Amino acid sequence: MIRQSTTVAGEMGDSVELFLGQFEKSLIQYSKSKGLLEYEAFKMTGNKNGKSEEELTQGVQEDFDNYIDLYDEATSIYIASPNKNLFIVPEAELPEGFDPTGRDWFKAAAASQNDVNWSDPYVDTATNQDIITASKAILVDNKLVGVI
């Protein structure tokens, strides 16, 4: 009985690792996305790189809409800048003065920039539901320009 329990627990652990791994890979991919890098560069410096603000924003919106459609378990996806700019899909009502840079997921990604970081469970400000968050730093020339 103990051996069977150990085997089942190991298989469950492998399943959870595979499930969470899909999200980690997607965040790593997004952290290197040209569209997100251009959007964050614009939000941080104002440099539009020859594109309109609407083009930059629309590209991120389309990517994030596709992400939400593809990953049913994801309740939202967002990108936050060190200057406190936040772009979230689906759009959410957040309290006045909401500062994403003060959130644990932002701090973890900023502190461990090469890793995907998983938060402890917490109550989401937008949905008021218990969630966990995976976050990854977005770097340009080894400088933090955002967290996804």
Protein backbone atom coordinates (compact mmCIF):
# COMPACT_ATOMS: atom_id res chain seq x y z
CA MET A 1 0.00 0.00 0.00
CA ILE A 2 2.79 2.44 0.87
CA ARG A 3 4.62 1.66 -2.36
CA GLN A 4 1.44 2.30 -4.38
CA SER A 5 0.87 5.58 -2.56
CA THR A 6 4.43 6.66 -3.27
CA THR A 7 4.02 5.79 -6.95
CA VAL A 8 0.71 7.67 -7.22
CA ALA A 9 2.18 10.70 -5.43
CA GLY A 10 5.16 10.67 -7.80
CA GLU A 11 2.92 10.49 -10.85
CA MET A 12 0.78 13.34 -9.53
CA GLY A 13 3.91 15.42 -8.96
CA ASP A 14 5.04 14.74 -12.53
CA SER A 15 1.61 15.77 -13.84
CA VAL A 16 1.66 19.03 -11.89
CA GLU A 17 5.19 19.75 -13.10
CA LEU A 18 4.14 19.20 -16.72
CA PHE A 19 1.02 21.32 -16.26
CA LEU A 20 2.92 24.24 -14.74
CA GLY A 21 5.79 23.79 -17.18
CA GLN A 22 3.58 24.79 -20.11
CA PHE A 23 3.01 28.17 -18.48
CA GLU A 24 6.70 28.60 -17.73
CA LYS A 25 7.65 27.96 -21.36
CA SER A 26 5.05 30.43 -22.59
CA LEU A 27 6.37 33.15 -20.27
CA ILE A 28 9.94 32.52 -21.36
CA GLN A 29 8.82 32.84 -24.98
CA TYR A 30 6.90 36.07 -24.27
CA SER A 31 9.82 37.54 -22.33
CA LYS A 32 11.79 37.41 -25.61
CA SER A 33 8.95 38.50 -27.89
CA LYS A 34 9.91 41.36 -30.20
CA GLY A 35 6.43 42.86 -29.90
CA LEU A 36 6.52 42.91 -26.08
CA LEU A 37 10.08 44.23 -26.04
CA GLU A 38 9.09 47.08 -28.37
CA TYR A 39 5.98 47.82 -26.29
CA GLU A 40 7.94 47.92 -23.03
CA ALA A 41 10.69 50.05 -24.60
CA PHE A 42 8.00 52.52 -25.63
CA LYS A 43 6.41 52.54 -22.16
CA MET A 44 9.79 53.08 -20.51
CA THR A 45 11.43 55.53 -22.95
CA GLY A 46 8.75 56.81 -25.31
CA ASN A 47 10.66 55.32 -28.29
CA LYS A 48 8.06 53.95 -30.69
CA ASN A 49 10.69 52.41 -32.99
CA GLY A 50 8.88 53.70 -36.06
CA LYS A 51 5.48 52.36 -35.01
CA SER A 52 2.41 54.08 -33.67
CA GLU A 53 1.37 53.62 -30.06
CA GLU A 54 -1.82 52.01 -31.38
CA GLU A 55 0.18 49.44 -33.40
CA LEU A 56 2.33 48.56 -30.38
CA THR A 57 -0.67 48.22 -28.07
CA GLN A 58 -2.75 46.28 -30.61
CA GLY A 59 0.04 43.74 -31.08
CA VAL A 60 0.22 43.06 -27.35
CA GLN A 61 -3.58 42.94 -27.10
CA GLU A 62 -3.77 40.33 -29.87
CA ASP A 63 -0.99 38.23 -28.33
CA PHE A 64 -2.63 38.33 -24.90
CA ASP A 65 -6.11 37.57 -26.31
CA ASN A 66 -4.63 34.52 -28.04
CA TYR A 67 -2.94 33.46 -24.80
CA ILE A 68 -6.20 33.60 -22.84
CA ASP A 69 -7.93 31.63 -25.61
CA LEU A 70 -5.18 28.99 -25.66
CA TYR A 71 -4.67 28.57 -21.90
CA ASP A 72 -8.12 27.97 -20.43
CA GLU A 73 -6.75 27.82 -16.88
CA ALA A 74 -5.20 31.29 -17.09
CA THR A 75 -7.52 33.96 -15.70
CA SER A 76 -5.43 36.85 -17.01
CA ILE A 77 -2.10 37.83 -18.47
CA TYR A 78 -0.37 41.12 -17.91
CA ILE A 79 2.80 43.06 -18.39
CA ALA A 80 4.00 45.55 -15.81
CA SER A 81 6.73 48.15 -16.15
CA PRO A 82 9.08 49.47 -13.47
CA ASN A 83 7.38 52.85 -14.05
CA LYS A 84 4.14 51.25 -12.75
CA ASN A 85 2.41 50.92 -16.14
CA LEU A 86 0.19 47.82 -16.30
CA PHE A 87 -1.45 46.25 -19.36
CA ILE A 88 -3.84 43.43 -18.42
CA VAL A 89 -6.05 41.09 -20.45
CA PRO A 90 -8.88 40.76 -19.89
CA GLU A 91 -9.25 44.34 -18.78
CA ALA A 92 -9.87 44.60 -15.04
CA GLU A 93 -11.03 47.17 -12.54
CA LEU A 94 -8.15 47.86 -10.17
CA PRO A 95 -8.10 50.23 -7.21
CA GLU A 96 -6.95 53.81 -7.72
CA GLY A 97 -3.18 54.00 -7.45
CA PHE A 98 -2.62 50.26 -7.97
CA ASP A 99 1.14 49.71 -8.08
CA PRO A 100 2.19 46.45 -9.77
CA THR A 101 5.81 46.97 -8.73
CA GLY A 102 4.83 46.42 -5.11
CA ARG A 103 3.32 43.00 -5.77
CA ASP A 104 5.22 39.88 -4.76
CA TRP A 105 5.15 38.49 -8.31
CA PHE A 106 6.84 41.64 -9.66
CA LYS A 107 9.45 41.69 -6.89
CA ALA A 108 10.25 37.99 -7.40
CA ALA A 109 10.77 38.41 -11.15
CA ALA A 110 12.90 41.53 -10.63
CA ALA A 111 15.06 39.72 -8.07
CA SER A 112 15.45 36.48 -10.03
CA GLN A 113 15.47 37.76 -13.60
CA ASN A 114 16.48 34.57 -15.40
CA ASP A 115 13.83 32.37 -13.82
CA VAL A 116 10.09 31.93 -14.01
CA ASN A 117 8.85 32.61 -10.49
CA TRP A 118 5.73 31.15 -8.89
CA SER A 119 3.92 33.06 -6.18
CA ASP A 120 2.38 31.61 -3.09
CA PRO A 121 -1.43 31.56 -3.26
CA TYR A 122 -3.01 34.99 -2.66
CA VAL A 123 -6.28 36.84 -3.22
CA ASP A 124 -6.22 38.56 -6.61
CA THR A 125 -7.00 42.28 -6.51
CA ALA A 126 -8.92 42.18 -9.80
CA THR A 127 -11.05 39.05 -9.25
CA ASN A 128 -11.04 38.67 -5.46
CA GLN A 129 -10.28 34.95 -5.97
CA ASP A 130 -7.42 32.81 -4.69
CA ILE A 131 -4.76 32.44 -7.39
CA ILE A 132 -1.10 31.78 -7.98
CA THR A 133 0.97 33.81 -10.42
CA ALA A 134 3.89 32.88 -12.63
CA SER A 135 6.11 35.84 -13.50
CA LYS A 136 9.17 36.40 -15.65
CA ALA A 137 11.40 39.43 -16.08
CA ILE A 138 11.63 41.11 -19.47
CA LEU A 139 15.15 42.38 -20.07
CA VAL A 140 16.67 44.68 -22.68
CA ASP A 141 20.47 44.87 -22.57
CA ASN A 142 20.31 43.16 -19.16
CA LYS A 143 18.08 45.93 -17.81
CA LEU A 144 14.63 45.20 -16.38
CA VAL A 145 12.01 46.82 -18.59
CA GLY A 146 9.00 44.80 -17.48
CA VAL A 147 7.53 41.72 -15.90
CA ILE A 148 5.07 39.38 -17.56
